[in-house]
Amino acid sequence: MKTAKRIIIIFLIAMIGHVGCGVRGDPVPPKIPAELGRGQPTYKGATENLAFPTVPPVYAPTTEETKKKKEADEKK
Protein backbone atom coordinates (compact mmCIF):
# COMPACT_ATOMS: atom_id res chain seq x y z
CA MET A 1 0.00 0.00 0.00
CA LYS A 2 2.89 2.36 0.75
CA THR A 3 4.39 1.85 -2.69
CA ALA A 4 1.07 2.59 -4.39
CA LYS A 5 0.77 5.90 -2.51
CA ARG A 6 4.37 6.79 -3.42
CA ILE A 7 3.75 6.02 -7.07
CA ILE A 8 0.58 8.15 -7.09
CA ILE A 9 2.36 11.05 -5.37
CA ILE A 10 5.32 10.89 -7.77
CA PHE A 11 2.92 10.71 -10.72
CA LEU A 12 0.95 13.75 -9.50
CA ILE A 13 4.12 15.78 -8.92
CA ALA A 14 5.35 14.86 -12.40
CA MET A 15 2.03 15.86 -13.98
CA ILE A 16 1.95 19.20 -12.16
CA GLY A 17 5.49 19.89 -13.37
CA HIS A 18 4.59 18.87 -16.90
CA VAL A 19 1.50 21.08 -17.02
CA GLY A 20 3.37 24.05 -15.54
CA CYS A 21 6.03 24.08 -18.28
CA GLY A 22 5.71 25.71 -21.67
CA VAL A 23 5.03 28.96 -23.46
CA ARG A 24 1.64 30.57 -23.13
CA GLY A 25 -0.19 32.45 -25.87
CA ASP A 26 0.16 32.79 -29.62
CA PRO A 27 3.61 32.78 -31.24
CA VAL A 28 4.95 36.26 -31.96
CA PRO A 29 7.60 37.16 -34.57
CA PRO A 30 10.86 38.66 -33.27
CA LYS A 31 11.00 42.44 -32.83
CA ILE A 32 14.30 42.67 -34.71
CA PRO A 33 14.61 40.24 -37.63
CA ALA A 34 17.87 38.44 -38.23
CA GLU A 35 20.22 39.92 -40.81
CA LEU A 36 20.27 38.22 -44.17
CA GLY A 37 23.65 37.43 -45.62
CA ARG A 38 26.11 34.78 -46.64
CA GLY A 39 27.59 32.43 -44.12
CA GLN A 40 31.24 31.49 -44.27
CA PRO A 41 32.47 27.95 -43.70
CA THR A 42 34.32 27.23 -40.48
CA TYR A 43 36.59 24.61 -42.03
CA LYS A 44 39.98 26.30 -42.55
CA GLY A 45 40.85 24.44 -45.77
CA ALA A 46 37.58 25.39 -47.43
CA THR A 47 38.42 29.09 -47.66
CA GLU A 48 42.06 28.96 -48.76
CA ASN A 49 41.45 29.60 -52.47
CA LEU A 50 38.18 31.53 -52.22
CA ALA A 51 37.58 35.25 -51.89
CA PHE A 52 34.30 36.16 -50.24
CA PRO A 53 32.77 39.43 -51.38
CA THR A 54 31.59 41.85 -48.76
CA VAL A 55 27.81 41.90 -48.84
CA PRO A 56 26.03 44.89 -47.31
CA PRO A 57 23.55 43.97 -44.57
CA VAL A 58 19.86 43.79 -45.50
CA TYR A 59 17.47 45.21 -42.94
CA ALA A 60 13.75 44.68 -42.67
CA PRO A 61 11.52 47.68 -43.46
CA THR A 62 10.43 49.84 -40.58
CA THR A 63 6.85 49.92 -39.43
CA GLU A 64 6.27 53.34 -41.03
CA GLU A 65 7.36 52.03 -44.43
CA THR A 66 5.09 49.01 -44.14
CA LYS A 67 2.15 51.23 -43.18
CA LYS A 68 2.74 53.46 -46.22
CA LYS A 69 2.94 50.43 -48.53
CA LYS A 70 -0.25 49.00 -47.04
CA GLU A 71 -2.10 52.29 -47.55
CA ALA A 72 -0.85 52.53 -51.15
CA ASP A 73 -1.98 48.94 -51.85
CA GLU A 74 -5.43 49.64 -50.38
CA LYS A 75 -5.89 52.72 -52.60
CA LYS A 76 -5.25 50.67 -55.75
C-alpha atoms as a PDB file:
ATOM      1  CA  MET A   1       0.000   0.000   0.000  1.00  0.00           C
ATOM      2  CA  LYS A   2       2.890   2.363   0.745  1.00  0.00           C
ATOM      3  CA  THR A   3       4.391   1.853  -2.686  1.00  0.00           C
ATOM      4  CA  ALA A   4       1.065   2.593  -4.392  1.00  0.00           C
ATOM      5  CA  LYS A   5       0.775   5.904  -2.509  1.00  0.00           C
ATOM      6  CA  ARG A   6       4.366   6.790  -3.417  1.00  0.00           C
ATOM      7  CA  ILE A   7       3.745   6.021  -7.075  1.00  0.00           C
ATOM      8  CA  ILE A   8       0.579   8.145  -7.086  1.00  0.00           C
ATOM      9  CA  ILE A   9       2.364  11.053  -5.370  1.00  0.00           C
ATOM     10  CA  ILE A  10       5.316  10.892  -7.771  1.00  0.00           C
ATOM     11  CA  PHE A  11       2.919  10.711 -10.722  1.00  0.00           C
ATOM     12  CA  LEU A  12       0.952  13.753  -9.496  1.00  0.00           C
ATOM     13  CA  ILE A  13       4.115  15.785  -8.924  1.00  0.00           C
ATOM     14  CA  ALA A  14       5.353  14.863 -12.395  1.00  0.00           C
ATOM     15  CA  MET A  15       2.033  15.857 -13.976  1.00  0.00           C
ATOM     16  CA  ILE A  16       1.951  19.200 -12.165  1.00  0.00           C
ATOM     17  CA  GLY A  17       5.494  19.895 -13.366  1.00  0.00           C
ATOM     18  CA  HIS A  18       4.589  18.870 -16.897  1.00  0.00           C
ATOM     19  CA  VAL A  19       1.505  21.078 -17.017  1.00  0.00           C
ATOM     20  CA  GLY A  20       3.371  24.050 -15.544  1.00  0.00           C
ATOM     21  CA  CYS A  21       6.026  24.083 -18.276  1.00  0.00           C
ATOM     22  CA  GLY A  22       5.707  25.713 -21.668  1.00  0.00           C
ATOM     23  CA  VAL A  23       5.030  28.962 -23.459  1.00  0.00           C
ATOM     24  CA  ARG A  24       1.643  30.571 -23.132  1.00  0.00           C
ATOM     25  CA  GLY A  25      -0.194  32.448 -25.868  1.00  0.00           C
ATOM     26  CA  ASP A  26       0.157  32.787 -29.618  1.00  0.00           C
ATOM     27  CA  PRO A  27       3.607  32.780 -31.239  1.00  0.00           C
ATOM     28  CA  VAL A  28       4.954  36.258 -31.963  1.00  0.00           C
ATOM     29  CA  PRO A  29       7.602  37.155 -34.566  1.00  0.00           C
ATOM     30  CA  PRO A  30      10.856  38.657 -33.271  1.00  0.00           C
ATOM     31  CA  LYS A  31      11.000  42.437 -32.832  1.00  0.00           C
ATOM     32  CA  ILE A  32      14.302  42.671 -34.707  1.00  0.00           C
ATOM     33  CA  PRO A  33      14.605  40.239 -37.632  1.00  0.00           C
ATOM     34  CA  ALA A  34      17.867  38.436 -38.235  1.00  0.00           C
ATOM     35  CA  GLU A  35      20.224  39.918 -40.812  1.00  0.00           C
ATOM     36  CA  LEU A  36      20.270  38.220 -44.170  1.00  0.00           C
ATOM     37  CA  GLY A  37      23.654  37.434 -45.620  1.00  0.00           C
ATOM     38  CA  ARG A  38      26.113  34.777 -46.636  1.00  0.00           C
ATOM     39  CA  GLY A  39      27.591  32.430 -44.117  1.00  0.00           C
ATOM     40  CA  GLN A  40      31.236  31.492 -44.267  1.00  0.00           C
ATOM     41  CA  PRO A  41      32.471  27.952 -43.701  1.00  0.00           C
ATOM     42  CA  THR A  42      34.315  27.227 -40.484  1.00  0.00           C
ATOM     43  CA  TYR A  43      36.590  24.612 -42.027  1.00  0.00           C
ATOM     44  CA  LYS A  44      39.978  26.298 -42.550  1.00  0.00           C
ATOM     45  CA  GLY A  45      40.849  24.443 -45.772  1.00  0.00           C
ATOM     46  CA  ALA A  46      37.576  25.387 -47.427  1.00  0.00           C
ATOM     47  CA  THR A  47      38.425  29.090 -47.664  1.00  0.00           C
ATOM     48  CA  GLU A  48      42.058  28.957 -48.757  1.00  0.00           C
ATOM     49  CA  ASN A  49      41.449  29.599 -52.472  1.00  0.00           C
ATOM     50  CA  LEU A  50      38.177  31.525 -52.221  1.00  0.00           C
ATOM     51  CA  ALA A  51      37.581  35.248 -51.891  1.00  0.00           C
ATOM     52  CA  PHE A  52      34.304  36.156 -50.242  1.00  0.00           C
ATOM     53  CA  PRO A  53      32.767  39.435 -51.383  1.00  0.00           C
ATOM     54  CA  THR A  54      31.586  41.854 -48.761  1.00  0.00           C
ATOM     55  CA  VAL A  55      27.806  41.900 -48.840  1.00  0.00           C
ATOM     56  CA  PRO A  56      26.025  44.891 -47.307  1.00  0.00           C
ATOM     57  CA  PRO A  57      23.548  43.975 -44.573  1.00  0.00           C
ATOM     58  CA  VAL A  58      19.859  43.786 -45.497  1.00  0.00           C
ATOM     59  CA  TYR A  59      17.467  45.211 -42.943  1.00  0.00           C
ATOM     60  CA  ALA A  60      13.745  44.684 -42.671  1.00  0.00           C
ATOM     61  CA  PRO A  61      11.517  47.681 -43.461  1.00  0.00           C
ATOM     62  CA  THR A  62      10.428  49.839 -40.576  1.00  0.00           C
ATOM     63  CA  THR A  63       6.847  49.916 -39.432  1.00  0.00           C
ATOM     64  CA  GLU A  64       6.273  53.335 -41.026  1.00  0.00           C
ATOM     65  CA  GLU A  65       7.356  52.030 -44.427  1.00  0.00           C
ATOM     66  CA  THR A  66       5.091  49.009 -44.142  1.00  0.00           C
ATOM     67  CA  LYS A  67       2.151  51.233 -43.176  1.00  0.00           C
ATOM     68  CA  LYS A  68       2.735  53.459 -46.221  1.00  0.00           C
ATOM     69  CA  LYS A  69       2.939  50.434 -48.529  1.00  0.00           C
ATOM     70  CA  LYS A  70      -0.249  49.005 -47.041  1.00  0.00           C
ATOM     71  CA  GLU A  71      -2.098  52.292 -47.554  1.00  0.00           C
ATOM     72  CA  ALA A  72      -0.846  52.527 -51.153  1.00  0.00           C
ATOM     73  CA  ASP A  73      -1.985  48.942 -51.846  1.00  0.00           C
ATOM     74  CA  GLU A  74      -5.428  49.641 -50.377  1.00  0.00           C
ATOM     75  CA  LYS A  75      -5.890  52.723 -52.596  1.00  0.00           C
ATOM     76  CA  LYS A  76      -5.249  50.669 -55.749  1.00  0.00           C
END
